[in-house]
Amino acid sequence: MIRVGFVGYSLTMDCRSSKKFRLASYSEERFCATLESNLACLAEIMRYSVEHGMLHFRISSELVPFASHPVCSVDWATRYASVFAEIGAYAREHDLRLSTHPGQYTLINSTSEATVAASVRELEYHAQIFDLMGMDATHKIQIHVGGIYGDKDASIPRFVENFARLPPAVQRRLAVENDDRLYSVADCLRIHEAVGTPIVFDNLHHRLLNAGEPLAEAFELARRTWTDARMMVDYSSQGDKKRIGAHADTLDEADFRAFLDGVPTRDFDLMMEIKDKDLSALKALRIVEEAGAT
């Protein structure tokens, strides 16, 4: 079966679980009000997803404002533990696969110690969300390998070295994704072989950066790295009149059908990285159902 999902928020709902505010206006009162709103909206979005058969959802990294920043003075994990636990219980009850994707500045292979330290704090925050929800290690924290810094052959071992600095709660949840400019599936395999992190296969990124492998072969190479959970896959197509690698505004149904026909299995969790989010995810789910893959 294929579980279909979307990223962050729904375009059909009047709430977002990623409300934020400027650092300069931080106060404990504002922090708590924002987090409470975000958690309430996350629970609502998850109910919507389940009710519409979309059983894969990526939680916004901005769920807890400034969670990994030194300014955060609230013990939010203790104060809102019961809320997180309730949200996690709902996800488990309905077999909803969750993931997170820290932002572009989460770079554990950086040459800057300050950047690595900040990245570790950010990853700890993401793992803490899953711990509070009671979610096991099948719910992943997805990141890119990072930069090349002039030497890819040094940057991959540096990722491996800094991986050892991550707490077990992060290590067992971490997954790496092939990107469109720097690190292909073949590059990600070097990291998997060193530390065991599974590879999230991104079809558009593979189309733009690869080692000559056709889609089906690269997909299968990534699939074999998933020994502790179902494979996670990101799907998009090239956006019209956009920079190369930019995601499409809405689902290209012909391209999506070709993707389904081109992969060697229909047993994975599929994240739709399309700009209109749940609208395209619902279209994709219909196509998946027509293909008999649910």
Protein backbone atom coordinates (compact mmCIF):
# COMPACT_ATOMS: atom_id res chain seq x y z
CA MET A 1 0.00 0.00 0.00
CA ILE A 2 0.96 3.65 -0.43
CA ARG A 3 0.15 6.14 2.31
CA VAL A 4 -0.15 9.64 0.85
CA GLY A 5 0.48 12.83 2.78
CA PHE A 6 1.26 16.53 2.63
CA VAL A 7 3.50 19.08 4.31
CA GLY A 8 2.80 21.42 7.19
CA TYR A 9 -0.70 22.76 6.75
CA SER A 10 -3.91 22.43 4.76
CA LEU A 11 -5.06 25.01 2.25
CA THR A 12 -8.68 24.14 3.04
CA MET A 13 -8.41 24.90 6.76
CA ASP A 14 -8.37 28.24 8.52
CA CYS A 15 -5.46 27.47 10.86
CA ARG A 16 -1.76 26.74 10.74
CA SER A 17 0.43 24.93 13.24
CA SER A 18 3.42 27.12 12.36
CA LYS A 19 2.46 30.54 13.69
CA LYS A 20 5.50 32.52 14.75
CA PHE A 21 6.60 35.94 15.91
CA ARG A 22 9.75 38.03 15.77
CA LEU A 23 12.58 37.31 18.16
CA ALA A 24 12.54 40.93 19.32
CA SER A 25 8.95 40.54 20.56
CA TYR A 26 9.60 37.35 22.55
CA SER A 27 7.84 37.02 25.87
CA GLU A 28 6.73 33.97 27.82
CA GLU A 29 3.11 35.02 27.43
CA ARG A 30 3.42 35.34 23.66
CA PHE A 31 5.36 32.10 23.41
CA CYS A 32 2.71 30.13 25.31
CA ALA A 33 -0.19 31.65 23.39
CA THR A 34 1.49 30.84 20.06
CA LEU A 35 2.43 27.31 21.02
CA GLU A 36 -1.05 26.57 22.34
CA SER A 37 -2.54 27.79 19.07
CA ASN A 38 -0.07 25.72 17.04
CA LEU A 39 -0.77 22.55 19.02
CA ALA A 40 -4.55 22.98 18.73
CA CYS A 41 -4.21 23.47 14.98
CA LEU A 42 -1.88 20.48 14.62
CA ALA A 43 -4.48 18.26 16.27
CA GLU A 44 -7.14 19.65 13.92
CA ILE A 45 -5.00 19.13 10.81
CA MET A 46 -4.24 15.56 11.83
CA ARG A 47 -7.94 14.80 12.27
CA TYR A 48 -8.61 16.29 8.83
CA SER A 49 -5.82 14.19 7.30
CA VAL A 50 -7.12 10.97 8.82
CA GLU A 51 -10.72 11.69 7.88
CA HIS A 52 -9.67 12.16 4.25
CA GLY A 53 -7.44 9.09 4.10
CA MET A 54 -4.12 10.94 4.04
CA LEU A 55 -2.02 8.97 6.51
CA HIS A 56 1.39 10.61 6.14
CA PHE A 57 1.97 14.10 7.53
CA ARG A 58 5.03 16.32 7.97
CA ILE A 59 4.91 18.48 11.08
CA SER A 60 6.17 22.04 10.69
CA SER A 61 9.58 22.74 12.23
CA GLU A 62 8.06 25.95 13.61
CA LEU A 63 5.55 24.12 15.82
CA VAL A 64 7.38 25.32 18.95
CA PRO A 65 8.65 28.88 18.35
CA PHE A 66 12.37 29.36 19.06
CA ALA A 67 12.51 25.90 20.64
CA SER A 68 16.23 25.45 19.96
CA HIS A 69 17.13 29.13 20.50
CA PRO A 70 18.70 30.31 23.79
CA VAL A 71 15.91 32.89 24.16
CA CYS A 72 13.36 30.17 24.87
CA SER A 73 12.80 30.39 28.62
CA VAL A 74 9.66 28.25 28.98
CA ASP A 75 9.85 24.59 29.98
CA TRP A 76 7.36 23.83 27.23
CA ALA A 77 8.05 20.09 27.23
CA THR A 78 6.83 19.79 30.82
CA ARG A 79 4.02 22.35 30.60
CA TYR A 80 2.46 20.83 27.48
CA ALA A 81 3.43 17.19 27.92
CA SER A 82 -0.18 16.02 28.16
CA VAL A 83 -1.13 17.85 24.95
CA PHE A 84 1.73 16.27 23.02
CA ALA A 85 0.85 12.85 24.46
CA GLU A 86 -2.77 13.23 23.32
CA ILE A 87 -1.71 14.19 19.81
CA GLY A 88 0.65 11.22 19.62
CA ALA A 89 -2.02 8.83 20.88
CA TYR A 90 -4.34 9.98 18.09
CA ALA A 91 -1.62 9.41 15.47
CA ARG A 92 -0.92 5.90 16.74
CA GLU A 93 -4.60 5.01 16.95
CA HIS A 94 -5.11 5.94 13.30
CA ASP A 95 -1.76 4.70 11.90
CA LEU A 96 -0.73 8.21 10.91
CA ARG A 97 2.95 8.33 9.91
CA LEU A 98 4.61 11.53 11.04
CA SER A 99 7.86 13.16 10.03
CA THR A 100 9.70 16.46 10.36
CA HIS A 101 12.17 18.23 8.09
CA PRO A 102 14.43 20.77 9.83
CA GLY A 103 15.35 23.77 7.70
CA GLN A 104 18.24 24.44 5.37
CA TYR A 105 20.53 25.70 8.14
CA THR A 106 20.53 22.36 9.94
CA LEU A 107 23.95 21.27 8.72
CA ILE A 108 25.73 18.67 10.77
CA ASN A 109 28.55 18.44 8.23
CA SER A 110 29.32 22.16 8.45
CA THR A 111 32.91 23.33 8.86
CA SER A 112 31.62 25.79 11.49
CA GLU A 113 31.47 24.45 15.03
CA ALA A 114 28.80 27.02 15.90
CA THR A 115 26.62 25.82 13.02
CA VAL A 116 27.06 22.18 14.01
CA ALA A 117 26.20 22.94 17.64
CA ALA A 118 23.06 24.85 16.58
CA SER A 119 22.13 21.98 14.25
CA VAL A 120 22.46 19.45 17.07
CA ARG A 121 20.15 21.57 19.25
CA GLU A 122 17.60 21.79 16.44
CA LEU A 123 17.64 18.04 15.88
CA GLU A 124 17.28 17.43 19.62
CA TYR A 125 14.17 19.61 19.56
CA HIS A 126 12.64 17.57 16.73
CA ALA A 127 13.37 14.33 18.54
CA GLN A 128 11.85 15.77 21.70
CA ILE A 129 8.57 16.38 19.88
CA PHE A 130 8.39 12.70 18.94
CA ASP A 131 9.43 11.59 22.42
CA LEU A 132 6.68 13.70 24.00
CA MET A 133 4.17 12.25 21.55
CA GLY A 134 5.30 8.73 22.39
CA MET A 135 6.18 8.01 18.76
CA ASP A 136 8.70 5.31 17.95
CA ALA A 137 11.67 5.52 15.58
CA THR A 138 9.57 4.81 12.48
CA HIS A 139 8.59 8.49 12.63
CA LYS A 140 11.57 10.21 11.06
CA ILE A 141 13.54 13.44 11.14
CA GLN A 142 14.50 14.06 7.53
CA ILE A 143 17.51 16.19 6.58
CA HIS A 144 19.79 16.86 3.66
CA VAL A 145 23.43 15.86 3.90
CA GLY A 146 24.51 19.51 3.86
CA GLY A 147 27.17 21.48 2.04
CA ILE A 148 30.26 20.38 0.13
CA TYR A 149 32.56 23.15 1.42
CA GLY A 150 34.93 22.63 -1.47
CA ASP A 151 35.53 18.92 -0.82
CA LYS A 152 32.76 16.34 -0.95
CA ASP A 153 35.15 13.54 -0.03
CA ALA A 154 35.85 15.35 3.25
CA SER A 155 32.29 16.53 3.85
CA ILE A 156 30.73 13.06 3.90
CA PRO A 157 33.13 11.72 6.58
CA ARG A 158 32.52 14.93 8.56
CA PHE A 159 28.77 14.14 8.50
CA VAL A 160 29.56 10.66 9.81
CA GLU A 161 31.86 12.04 12.50
CA ASN A 162 29.29 14.57 13.72
CA PHE A 163 26.50 11.98 13.58
CA ALA A 164 28.27 10.35 16.53
CA ARG A 165 27.65 13.54 18.54
CA LEU A 166 23.88 13.21 18.20
CA PRO A 167 21.91 11.71 21.08
CA PRO A 168 20.37 8.27 20.45
CA ALA A 169 16.87 9.80 20.23
CA VAL A 170 18.05 11.69 17.14
CA GLN A 171 20.27 9.00 15.64
CA ARG A 172 17.55 6.36 15.51
CA ARG A 173 15.11 8.77 13.85
CA LEU A 174 17.41 10.46 11.36
CA ALA A 175 16.98 9.93 7.61
CA VAL A 176 18.88 11.63 4.79
CA GLU A 177 17.39 12.81 1.52
CA ASN A 178 19.08 13.05 -1.85
CA ASP A 179 19.10 16.65 -3.10
CA ASP A 180 19.09 18.33 -6.49
CA ARG A 181 22.54 19.96 -6.49
CA LEU A 182 25.09 18.31 -4.20
CA TYR A 183 24.33 14.83 -2.87
CA SER A 184 22.80 12.11 -5.01
CA VAL A 185 21.34 8.79 -3.89
CA ALA A 186 24.79 7.25 -4.45
CA ASP A 187 26.34 9.85 -2.11
CA CYS A 188 23.67 9.20 0.52
CA LEU A 189 24.45 5.50 0.31
CA ARG A 190 27.97 6.23 1.57
CA ILE A 191 26.44 7.73 4.71
CA HIS A 192 24.00 4.85 5.10
CA GLU A 193 26.83 2.36 4.87
CA ALA A 194 28.73 4.21 7.61
CA VAL A 195 25.97 4.94 10.14
CA GLY A 196 22.83 3.15 8.93
CA THR A 197 20.60 6.17 8.25
CA PRO A 198 17.89 5.32 5.69
CA ILE A 199 17.49 7.36 2.51
CA VAL A 200 14.34 9.34 1.71
CA PHE A 201 14.07 9.10 -2.06
CA ASP A 202 13.12 12.35 -3.81
CA ASN A 203 12.10 11.76 -7.44
CA LEU A 204 12.58 15.35 -8.66
CA HIS A 205 15.97 15.64 -7.02
CA HIS A 206 17.03 12.34 -8.59
CA ARG A 207 15.91 13.59 -11.99
CA LEU A 208 18.25 16.57 -11.58
CA LEU A 209 21.21 14.90 -9.85
CA ASN A 210 22.16 11.27 -10.20
CA ALA A 211 25.01 8.92 -10.97
CA GLY A 212 23.38 7.65 -14.15
CA GLU A 213 20.93 5.28 -12.45
CA PRO A 214 17.42 5.16 -13.88
CA LEU A 215 14.56 5.99 -11.52
CA ALA A 216 13.69 2.38 -10.69
CA GLU A 217 17.28 1.49 -9.81
CA ALA A 218 17.86 4.53 -7.61
CA PHE A 219 14.50 3.97 -5.92
CA GLU A 220 15.42 0.37 -5.14
CA LEU A 221 18.84 1.37 -3.79
CA ALA A 222 17.13 3.77 -1.40
CA ARG A 223 14.40 1.26 -0.49
CA ARG A 224 16.96 -1.29 0.70
CA THR A 225 18.22 1.14 3.33
CA TRP A 226 14.86 0.98 5.16
CA THR A 227 15.34 -1.87 7.57
CA ASP A 228 13.44 -0.47 10.56
CA ALA A 229 10.43 1.19 8.91
CA ARG A 230 8.46 1.63 5.72
CA MET A 231 10.26 3.58 3.02
CA MET A 232 9.58 7.32 2.81
CA VAL A 233 9.43 8.97 -0.62
CA ASP A 234 9.08 12.64 -1.60
CA TYR A 235 7.27 13.36 -4.84
CA SER A 236 7.11 16.52 -6.93
CA SER A 237 7.48 17.64 -10.51
CA GLN A 238 9.24 20.64 -12.00
CA GLY A 239 7.28 23.88 -11.61
CA ASP A 240 6.40 25.73 -14.81
CA LYS A 241 8.51 28.82 -15.52
CA LYS A 242 10.38 28.39 -12.24
CA ARG A 243 14.01 27.84 -11.39
CA ILE A 244 15.21 24.31 -12.00
CA GLY A 245 14.28 22.19 -9.01
CA ALA A 246 11.34 24.33 -7.88
CA HIS A 247 8.22 22.35 -6.99
CA ALA A 248 5.10 22.46 -9.14
CA ASP A 249 2.13 24.56 -8.04
CA THR A 250 -0.31 21.69 -8.51
CA LEU A 251 -0.21 18.00 -9.34
CA ASP A 252 0.81 17.00 -12.85
CA GLU A 253 -1.37 13.91 -13.01
CA ALA A 254 0.36 12.45 -16.07
CA ASP A 255 3.78 12.81 -14.46
CA PHE A 256 2.50 11.29 -11.22
CA ARG A 257 1.01 8.30 -13.01
CA ALA A 258 4.31 7.82 -14.84
CA PHE A 259 6.14 7.94 -11.51
CA LEU A 260 3.89 5.23 -10.06
CA ASP A 261 4.40 3.10 -13.15
CA GLY A 262 8.16 3.61 -12.96
CA VAL A 263 8.85 2.55 -9.38
CA PRO A 264 9.46 -1.14 -8.60
CA THR A 265 7.07 -1.36 -5.64
CA ARG A 266 3.92 0.23 -4.31
CA ASP A 267 4.64 -0.24 -0.65
CA PHE A 268 5.91 3.05 0.78
CA ASP A 269 4.83 6.33 2.39
CA LEU A 270 4.59 9.18 -0.08
CA MET A 271 4.99 12.84 0.81
CA MET A 272 3.55 15.21 -1.78
CA GLU A 273 5.83 18.23 -2.06
CA ILE A 274 3.45 20.23 -4.24
CA LYS A 275 2.68 23.89 -3.53
CA ASP A 276 -1.08 23.39 -3.13
CA LYS A 277 -0.46 20.78 -0.43
CA ASP A 278 -3.55 18.77 0.55
CA LEU A 279 -5.36 19.70 -2.68
CA SER A 280 -2.78 17.79 -4.72
CA ALA A 281 -2.44 15.11 -2.05
CA LEU A 282 -6.15 14.35 -2.40
CA LYS A 283 -5.77 14.10 -6.18
CA ALA A 284 -2.77 11.82 -5.76
CA LEU A 285 -4.68 9.65 -3.29
CA ARG A 286 -7.46 9.19 -5.83
CA ILE A 287 -4.93 8.08 -8.45
CA VAL A 288 -3.27 5.72 -5.97
CA GLU A 289 -6.66 4.24 -5.12
CA GLU A 290 -7.45 3.78 -8.81
CA ALA A 291 -4.14 1.92 -9.15
CA GLY A 292 -5.15 -0.40 -6.32
CA ALA A 293 -2.24 0.66 -4.11
CA THR A 294 -4.13 1.52 -0.91
